[in-house]
């Protein structure tokens, strides 16, 4: 974007804001507060909705302009820009693994519901951040950049949704305009996520948590009075359904990835502990994540896995069991192995007989062997004492 274009945009936006302010001032003097007809009342609501839509578009436009201006200021090729380290906004940071971070965050927020809710100012700040990041995601998508920012917008949306839910639980009034802005921006994000270009880069568990929390917001809005209509209307419900559809479409992604990891190794002939030593560590982590993912996907009523896909799950689990049996675990077993065994036992309680007995037996045996090998020897008693 050239300097002249940027100056023209700044001038046009300033004129638009000035003109709108003049209309508001004039309306203050001319408003007689006289009753209006039903038709006029409906038209008022239509215009208000259109103005809110323009507000969302303007927010996205400004975000896109800011994004492109930053790119021009850096003045490096797009390919180089995508490889550079960006300044990390603390509001965008997620820690830990995908499953652990989202699950721990969800549990923490459930506990925090009994504490003081965030202030309206804090929620407003997060909402503006969400609008900005969604605008940036839209701009990078339109520019065809491989490094899309939709994952950041998704994180921001999840945090705002949590904040709004906390305000509702605590009976703190929510601004109507803020609710409309949230609803419209969430709808825009759902549209961005539906694009095939970004599907593979998104965090499925974060989407699941967002779908669950949006469901909580919609349910609570139906039972409370004084809640903005935007938090219970058909638009927000449609957004939740779009996000749920996204989650459903990608619910099997991790299992497919594990299948593609296992099959080539299985086809290479005789397996040895050395050949599977590296892949087995990653597969342990992935298998635990897959079990956690499936349980959370079921919480938002994603259709149950087909028997054909359960067969793939069993094949991956049996391959992992054999690999663990081949590897030499002479050192202390990794924490992932212990936690995976706990997760597998819990999973079998909820979904009986889906985790093969061979996997449970091999993991348990390896852990017991390692415990015996590293158990300190008892000191013998000194004779005569």
Protein backbone atom coordinates (compact mmCIF):
# COMPACT_ATOMS: atom_id res chain seq x y z
CA UNK A 1 0.00 0.00 0.00
CA UNK A 2 1.43 3.36 -1.07
CA UNK A 3 1.75 6.41 1.17
CA UNK A 4 -0.72 8.33 -1.00
CA UNK A 5 -3.32 5.58 -0.65
CA UNK A 6 -2.85 5.50 3.11
CA UNK A 7 -3.25 9.28 3.34
CA UNK A 8 -6.43 9.11 1.24
CA UNK A 9 -7.85 6.40 3.49
CA UNK A 10 -7.03 8.38 6.62
CA UNK A 11 -8.69 11.48 5.17
CA UNK A 12 -11.81 9.59 4.07
CA UNK A 13 -12.23 7.84 7.42
CA UNK A 14 -11.82 11.15 9.27
CA UNK A 15 -14.50 12.76 7.10
CA UNK A 16 -16.85 9.82 7.72
CA UNK A 17 -16.38 10.02 11.49
CA UNK A 18 -16.88 13.81 11.49
CA UNK A 19 -20.06 13.51 9.43
CA UNK A 20 -21.47 10.82 11.72
CA UNK A 21 -20.76 12.96 14.79
CA UNK A 22 -22.56 15.91 13.18
CA UNK A 23 -25.62 13.73 12.54
CA UNK A 24 -25.62 12.61 16.18
CA UNK A 25 -25.39 16.21 17.42
CA UNK A 26 -28.21 17.29 15.13
CA UNK A 27 -30.39 14.39 16.27
CA UNK A 28 -29.93 15.46 19.88
CA UNK A 29 -31.68 18.77 19.17
CA UNK A 30 -34.32 17.43 16.77
CA UNK A 31 -35.37 14.32 18.70
CA UNK A 32 -38.91 14.77 20.04
CA UNK A 33 -39.17 11.21 21.42
CA UNK A 34 -42.62 10.90 19.84
CA UNK A 35 -44.14 7.40 19.55
CA UNK A 36 -43.53 5.75 16.19
CA UNK A 37 -45.52 3.25 14.17
CA UNK A 38 -44.85 -0.48 14.11
CA UNK A 39 -43.43 -0.17 10.61
CA UNK A 40 -41.09 2.63 11.67
CA UNK A 41 -40.01 0.65 14.72
CA UNK A 42 -39.10 -2.33 12.55
CA UNK A 43 -37.17 -0.06 10.24
CA UNK A 44 -35.27 1.34 13.25
CA UNK A 45 -34.16 -2.17 14.17
CA UNK A 46 -33.16 -2.95 10.58
CA UNK A 47 -31.03 0.18 10.34
CA UNK A 48 -29.43 -0.50 13.72
CA UNK A 49 -28.46 -3.99 12.54
CA UNK A 50 -27.04 -2.57 9.31
CA UNK A 51 -25.00 0.00 11.24
CA UNK A 52 -23.63 -2.77 13.48
CA UNK A 53 -22.66 -4.72 10.37
CA UNK A 54 -20.87 -1.65 8.98
CA UNK A 55 -19.07 -1.32 12.32
CA UNK A 56 -17.73 -4.87 12.02
CA UNK A 57 -16.63 -4.28 8.42
CA UNK A 58 -14.92 -1.05 9.44
CA UNK A 59 -13.06 -2.81 12.25
CA UNK A 60 -11.86 -5.47 9.81
CA UNK A 61 -10.89 -2.81 7.25
CA UNK A 62 -8.81 -0.88 9.77
CA UNK A 63 -7.13 -4.11 10.91
CA UNK A 64 -6.30 -5.00 7.30
CA UNK A 65 -4.87 -1.53 6.66
CA UNK A 66 -2.73 -1.73 9.79
CA UNK A 67 -1.47 -5.19 8.79
CA UNK A 68 -0.52 -4.11 5.27
CA UNK A 69 1.10 -0.92 6.58
CA UNK A 70 3.30 -2.95 8.92
CA UNK A 71 4.32 -5.19 6.04
CA UNK A 72 5.27 -2.18 3.91
CA UNK A 73 7.20 -0.62 6.77
CA UNK A 74 9.31 -3.73 7.20
CA UNK A 75 9.85 -3.74 3.41
CA UNK A 76 10.90 -7.36 2.95
CA UNK A 77 9.49 -10.04 0.63
CA UNK A 78 6.45 -12.01 1.81
CA UNK A 79 8.42 -15.27 1.84
CA UNK A 80 10.97 -13.76 4.22
CA UNK A 81 8.26 -12.17 6.34
CA UNK A 82 6.64 -15.55 6.89
CA UNK A 83 9.86 -16.97 8.29
CA UNK A 84 10.68 -14.11 10.65
CA UNK A 85 9.91 -14.24 14.34
CA UNK A 86 6.95 -12.02 15.17
CA UNK A 87 6.54 -10.04 18.33
CA UNK A 88 4.45 -12.22 20.59
CA UNK A 89 1.40 -10.59 22.09
CA UNK A 90 0.84 -11.93 25.63
CA UNK A 91 -2.89 -12.09 24.87
CA UNK A 92 -2.19 -14.65 22.11
CA UNK A 93 0.00 -17.03 24.10
CA UNK A 94 -1.03 -20.64 24.72
CA UNK A 95 1.22 -22.84 26.85
CA UNK A 96 1.68 -26.60 27.11
CA UNK A 97 0.44 -29.18 24.67
CA UNK A 98 -2.80 -28.59 22.83
CA UNK A 99 -4.85 -30.98 24.94
CA UNK A 100 -3.27 -30.10 28.27
CA UNK A 101 -3.43 -26.35 27.72
CA UNK A 102 -7.07 -26.24 26.66
CA UNK A 103 -8.26 -28.76 29.23
CA UNK A 104 -6.36 -27.10 32.08
CA UNK A 105 -7.60 -23.70 30.96
CA UNK A 106 -11.18 -24.97 30.87
CA UNK A 107 -10.93 -26.48 34.36
CA UNK A 108 -9.34 -23.32 35.72
CA UNK A 109 -12.09 -21.16 34.24
CA UNK A 110 -14.76 -23.42 35.73
CA UNK A 111 -13.15 -22.89 39.13
CA UNK A 112 -12.84 -19.15 38.52
CA UNK A 113 -16.60 -18.85 38.01
CA UNK A 114 -16.96 -18.56 41.77
CA UNK A 115 -14.51 -15.66 41.89
CA UNK A 116 -14.80 -12.08 40.77
CA UNK A 117 -15.64 -11.79 37.06
CA UNK A 118 -13.47 -9.72 34.71
CA UNK A 119 -14.27 -6.02 34.60
CA UNK A 120 -16.21 -4.65 31.61
CA UNK A 121 -13.05 -2.74 30.66
CA UNK A 122 -11.03 -5.97 30.54
CA UNK A 123 -13.67 -7.63 28.40
CA UNK A 124 -13.77 -4.61 26.08
CA UNK A 125 -9.99 -4.81 25.65
CA UNK A 126 -10.13 -8.52 24.82
CA UNK A 127 -13.02 -7.92 22.43
CA UNK A 128 -11.10 -5.24 20.52
CA UNK A 129 -8.11 -7.59 20.41
CA UNK A 130 -10.35 -10.32 19.00
CA UNK A 131 -11.72 -7.98 16.33
CA UNK A 132 -8.19 -6.87 15.39
CA UNK A 133 -6.84 -10.42 15.11
CA UNK A 134 -9.84 -11.57 13.08
CA UNK A 135 -9.29 -8.67 10.70
CA UNK A 136 -5.62 -9.61 10.38
CA UNK A 137 -6.56 -13.24 9.74
CA UNK A 138 -8.94 -12.16 7.00
CA UNK A 139 -6.30 -9.90 5.45
CA UNK A 140 -3.58 -12.58 5.41
CA UNK A 141 -6.03 -15.08 3.96
CA UNK A 142 -7.01 -12.71 1.16
CA UNK A 143 -3.33 -12.00 0.51
CA UNK A 144 -2.72 -15.73 0.07
CA UNK A 145 -0.08 -15.88 2.79
CA UNK A 146 0.77 -19.39 3.95
CA UNK A 147 1.23 -18.26 7.51
CA UNK A 148 -2.35 -17.47 8.39
CA UNK A 149 -3.22 -15.77 11.69
CA UNK A 150 -6.58 -17.45 12.21
CA UNK A 151 -5.21 -19.54 15.10
CA UNK A 152 -4.52 -16.31 17.02
CA UNK A 153 -8.04 -15.03 16.31
CA UNK A 154 -9.43 -18.37 17.51
CA UNK A 155 -7.56 -18.08 20.81
CA UNK A 156 -8.83 -14.51 21.24
CA UNK A 157 -12.41 -15.59 20.51
CA UNK A 158 -12.25 -18.37 23.09
CA UNK A 159 -11.03 -15.96 25.77
CA UNK A 160 -13.72 -13.36 25.02
CA UNK A 161 -16.41 -16.07 25.10
CA UNK A 162 -15.16 -17.20 28.51
CA UNK A 163 -15.24 -13.60 29.76
CA UNK A 164 -18.79 -13.00 28.51
CA UNK A 165 -19.96 -16.20 30.16
CA UNK A 166 -18.41 -15.12 33.46
CA UNK A 167 -20.18 -11.75 33.24
CA UNK A 168 -23.49 -13.50 32.59
CA UNK A 169 -23.03 -15.88 35.52
CA UNK A 170 -22.22 -12.93 37.79
CA UNK A 171 -25.20 -10.89 36.50
CA UNK A 172 -22.90 -8.10 35.30
CA UNK A 173 -24.63 -6.01 32.57
CA UNK A 174 -23.25 -6.52 29.06
CA UNK A 175 -23.24 -3.70 26.53
CA UNK A 176 -25.58 -4.34 23.59
CA UNK A 177 -23.12 -2.95 21.04
CA UNK A 178 -20.30 -5.10 22.44
CA UNK A 179 -22.49 -8.21 22.23
CA UNK A 180 -23.34 -7.45 18.60
CA UNK A 181 -19.68 -6.87 17.75
CA UNK A 182 -18.74 -10.18 19.37
CA UNK A 183 -21.50 -12.04 17.51
CA UNK A 184 -20.59 -10.59 14.12
CA UNK A 185 -16.84 -11.10 14.56
CA UNK A 186 -17.34 -14.69 15.73
CA UNK A 187 -19.38 -15.29 12.58
CA UNK A 188 -16.58 -13.87 10.47
CA UNK A 189 -14.05 -16.14 12.20
CA UNK A 190 -16.23 -19.20 11.58
CA UNK A 191 -16.25 -18.34 7.88
CA UNK A 192 -12.45 -18.01 7.87
CA UNK A 193 -12.04 -21.40 9.57
CA UNK A 194 -14.22 -23.04 6.94
CA UNK A 195 -11.60 -22.20 4.30
CA UNK A 196 -9.61 -25.26 3.27
CA UNK A 197 -6.35 -23.28 3.22
CA UNK A 198 -6.30 -22.89 7.00
CA UNK A 199 -8.05 -26.09 8.05
CA UNK A 200 -4.83 -28.04 8.62
CA UNK A 201 -3.28 -25.34 10.79
CA UNK A 202 -6.06 -24.98 13.34
CA UNK A 203 -6.24 -26.38 16.86
CA UNK A 204 -9.12 -28.81 16.97
CA UNK A 205 -9.30 -28.87 20.76
CA UNK A 206 -9.51 -25.08 20.93
CA UNK A 207 -12.45 -25.17 18.51
CA UNK A 208 -14.13 -27.86 20.63
CA UNK A 209 -13.74 -25.77 23.77
CA UNK A 210 -15.12 -22.72 21.95
CA UNK A 211 -18.15 -24.68 20.72
CA UNK A 212 -18.79 -25.92 24.24
CA UNK A 213 -18.49 -22.45 25.77
CA UNK A 214 -20.69 -20.87 23.09
CA UNK A 215 -23.29 -23.50 23.93
CA UNK A 216 -23.08 -22.48 27.59
CA UNK A 217 -23.54 -18.81 26.64
CA UNK A 218 -26.59 -19.59 24.49
CA UNK A 219 -28.18 -21.79 27.16
CA UNK A 220 -27.63 -19.24 29.91
CA UNK A 221 -28.90 -16.38 27.74
CA UNK A 222 -32.18 -18.27 27.29
CA UNK A 223 -32.71 -18.47 31.05
CA UNK A 224 -31.70 -14.93 32.10
CA UNK A 225 -33.34 -11.56 31.59
CA UNK A 226 -31.52 -8.41 30.51
CA UNK A 227 -29.07 -10.29 28.27
CA UNK A 228 -28.40 -8.67 24.86
CA UNK A 229 -30.35 -10.39 22.10
CA UNK A 230 -27.12 -10.87 20.13
CA UNK A 231 -26.01 -13.50 22.67
CA UNK A 232 -28.98 -15.75 21.97
CA UNK A 233 -30.10 -14.99 18.42
CA UNK A 234 -30.07 -17.18 15.33
CA UNK A 235 -26.84 -15.64 14.04
CA UNK A 236 -24.76 -16.78 17.02
CA UNK A 237 -26.43 -20.20 16.97
CA UNK A 238 -25.53 -20.54 13.31
CA UNK A 239 -21.92 -19.61 14.11
CA UNK A 240 -21.75 -22.32 16.76
CA UNK A 241 -23.10 -24.88 14.28
CA UNK A 242 -20.47 -23.85 11.72
CA UNK A 243 -17.71 -24.29 14.29
CA UNK A 244 -19.14 -27.63 15.35
CA UNK A 245 -19.17 -28.72 11.71
CA UNK A 246 -15.51 -27.72 11.45
CA UNK A 247 -14.71 -29.80 14.54
CA UNK A 248 -16.63 -32.76 13.13
CA UNK A 249 -14.80 -32.52 9.80
CA UNK A 250 -11.39 -32.59 11.50
CA UNK A 251 -12.15 -34.90 14.43
CA UNK A 252 -10.20 -37.78 12.86
CA UNK A 253 -7.16 -35.79 11.72
CA UNK A 254 -4.79 -36.95 14.46
CA UNK A 255 -5.79 -40.60 14.07
CA UNK A 256 -5.17 -40.34 10.33
CA UNK A 257 -1.76 -38.80 10.98
CA UNK A 258 -0.83 -41.65 13.36
CA UNK A 259 -2.00 -44.18 10.79
CA UNK A 260 0.30 -42.62 8.19
CA UNK A 261 3.17 -42.82 10.67
CA UNK A 262 2.61 -46.47 11.55
CA UNK A 263 1.89 -48.04 8.16
CA UNK A 264 5.21 -47.23 6.39
CA UNK A 265 7.24 -48.51 9.34
CA UNK A 266 5.18 -51.70 9.55
CA UNK A 267 5.76 -52.39 5.85
CA UNK A 268 9.56 -52.13 6.04
CA UNK A 269 10.01 -55.71 7.14
CA UNK A 270 11.37 -56.96 10.43
CA UNK A 271 11.14 -54.40 13.20
CA UNK A 272 13.85 -53.82 15.78
CA UNK A 273 13.93 -51.73 18.91
CA UNK A 274 16.43 -49.36 17.33
CA UNK A 275 14.17 -48.70 14.32
CA UNK A 276 11.14 -47.77 16.41
CA UNK A 277 12.91 -46.05 19.32
CA UNK A 278 12.34 -42.55 17.90
CA UNK A 279 8.80 -42.97 16.49
CA UNK A 280 7.52 -44.72 19.62
CA UNK A 281 8.11 -41.67 21.83
CA UNK A 282 6.07 -39.42 19.56
CA UNK A 283 3.38 -42.05 19.11
CA UNK A 284 2.96 -42.35 22.89
CA UNK A 285 2.23 -38.62 23.13
CA UNK A 286 -0.01 -38.59 20.05
CA UNK A 287 -2.00 -41.61 21.20
CA UNK A 288 -2.74 -40.01 24.56
CA UNK A 289 -3.80 -36.79 22.83
CA UNK A 290 -6.06 -38.76 20.50
CA UNK A 291 -7.88 -40.37 23.44
CA UNK A 292 -8.34 -37.00 25.13
CA UNK A 293 -9.47 -35.39 21.88
CA UNK A 294 -12.09 -38.04 21.21
CA UNK A 295 -13.62 -37.65 24.68
CA UNK A 296 -13.85 -33.88 24.29
CA UNK A 297 -15.30 -34.12 20.78
CA UNK A 298 -18.02 -36.36 22.19
CA UNK A 299 -18.88 -33.63 24.73
CA UNK A 300 -20.14 -31.42 21.90
CA UNK A 301 -22.14 -34.27 20.33
CA UNK A 302 -19.88 -34.96 17.36
CA UNK A 303 -21.08 -38.25 15.77
CA UNK A 304 -19.47 -41.33 17.24
CA UNK A 305 -16.58 -42.95 15.45
CA UNK A 306 -17.48 -45.59 12.88
CA UNK A 307 -16.42 -49.19 13.37
CA UNK A 308 -14.12 -48.81 10.39
CA UNK A 309 -12.28 -45.96 12.13
CA UNK A 310 -12.25 -47.88 15.43
CA UNK A 311 -10.44 -50.62 13.52
CA UNK A 312 -7.75 -48.08 12.55
CA UNK A 313 -7.56 -46.95 16.19
CA UNK A 314 -7.01 -50.57 17.27
CA UNK A 315 -4.32 -51.13 14.62
CA UNK A 316 -2.42 -48.05 15.77
CA UNK A 317 -2.74 -49.11 19.42
CA UNK A 318 -1.51 -52.64 18.68
CA UNK A 319 1.44 -51.27 16.69
CA UNK A 320 2.32 -49.03 19.63
CA UNK A 321 2.08 -52.01 21.99
CA UNK A 322 4.49 -54.04 19.83
CA UNK A 323 6.91 -51.14 19.53
CA UNK A 324 6.94 -50.66 23.28
CA UNK A 325 7.64 -54.38 23.63
CA UNK A 326 10.60 -54.08 21.25
CA UNK A 327 12.24 -51.03 22.81
CA UNK A 328 14.75 -51.41 25.59
CA UNK A 329 13.65 -49.23 28.47
CA UNK A 330 16.60 -49.68 30.75
CA UNK A 331 16.39 -46.09 31.94
CA UNK A 332 13.59 -44.53 33.95
CA UNK A 333 10.49 -44.55 31.69
CA UNK A 334 9.29 -41.17 30.47
CA UNK A 335 6.44 -39.49 32.30
CA UNK A 336 4.45 -39.65 29.06
CA UNK A 337 4.30 -43.44 29.33
CA UNK A 338 2.82 -43.33 32.82
CA UNK A 339 0.28 -40.67 31.95
CA UNK A 340 -0.63 -42.49 28.73
CA UNK A 341 -1.38 -45.66 30.70
CA UNK A 342 -3.63 -43.72 33.09
CA UNK A 343 -5.40 -42.08 30.14
CA UNK A 344 -5.85 -45.45 28.40
CA UNK A 345 -7.44 -47.02 31.49
CA UNK A 346 -9.85 -44.07 31.85
CA UNK A 347 -10.64 -44.25 28.14
CA UNK A 348 -11.48 -47.95 28.39
CA UNK A 349 -13.89 -47.19 31.21
CA UNK A 350 -15.81 -44.72 29.04
CA UNK A 351 -15.42 -46.68 25.79
CA UNK A 352 -15.13 -50.35 26.85
CA UNK A 353 -12.65 -52.62 25.07
CA UNK A 354 -11.48 -49.98 22.58
CA UNK A 355 -7.90 -49.94 23.90
CA UNK A 356 -6.34 -53.38 23.22
CA UNK A 357 -5.32 -55.44 26.24
CA UNK A 358 -1.91 -55.92 24.61
CA UNK A 359 -1.14 -52.21 24.93
CA UNK A 360 -2.20 -52.03 28.58
CA UNK A 361 -0.18 -55.16 29.38
CA UNK A 362 3.02 -54.11 27.58
CA UNK A 363 3.01 -50.60 29.07
CA UNK A 364 2.32 -51.92 32.56
CA UNK A 365 5.04 -54.57 32.22
CA UNK A 366 7.64 -52.04 31.06
CA UNK A 367 6.85 -49.70 33.92
CA UNK A 368 7.11 -52.53 36.48
CA UNK A 369 10.44 -53.74 35.05
CA UNK A 370 11.90 -50.26 35.15
CA UNK A 371 10.71 -49.72 38.71
CA UNK A 372 12.39 -52.94 39.85
CA UNK A 373 15.64 -52.09 38.05
CA UNK A 374 15.87 -48.68 39.62
CA UNK A 375 14.57 -49.55 43.05
CA UNK A 376 17.36 -48.89 45.59
CA UNK A 377 18.73 -52.03 47.24
CA UNK A 378 17.95 -52.52 50.91
CA UNK A 379 20.92 -52.16 53.22
CA UNK A 380 21.79 -55.41 54.98
CA UNK A 381 21.76 -55.36 58.75
CA UNK A 382 25.15 -55.45 60.49
CA UNK A 383 25.61 -58.73 62.47
CA UNK A 384 25.43 -58.32 66.23
CA UNK A 385 23.24 -55.23 66.12
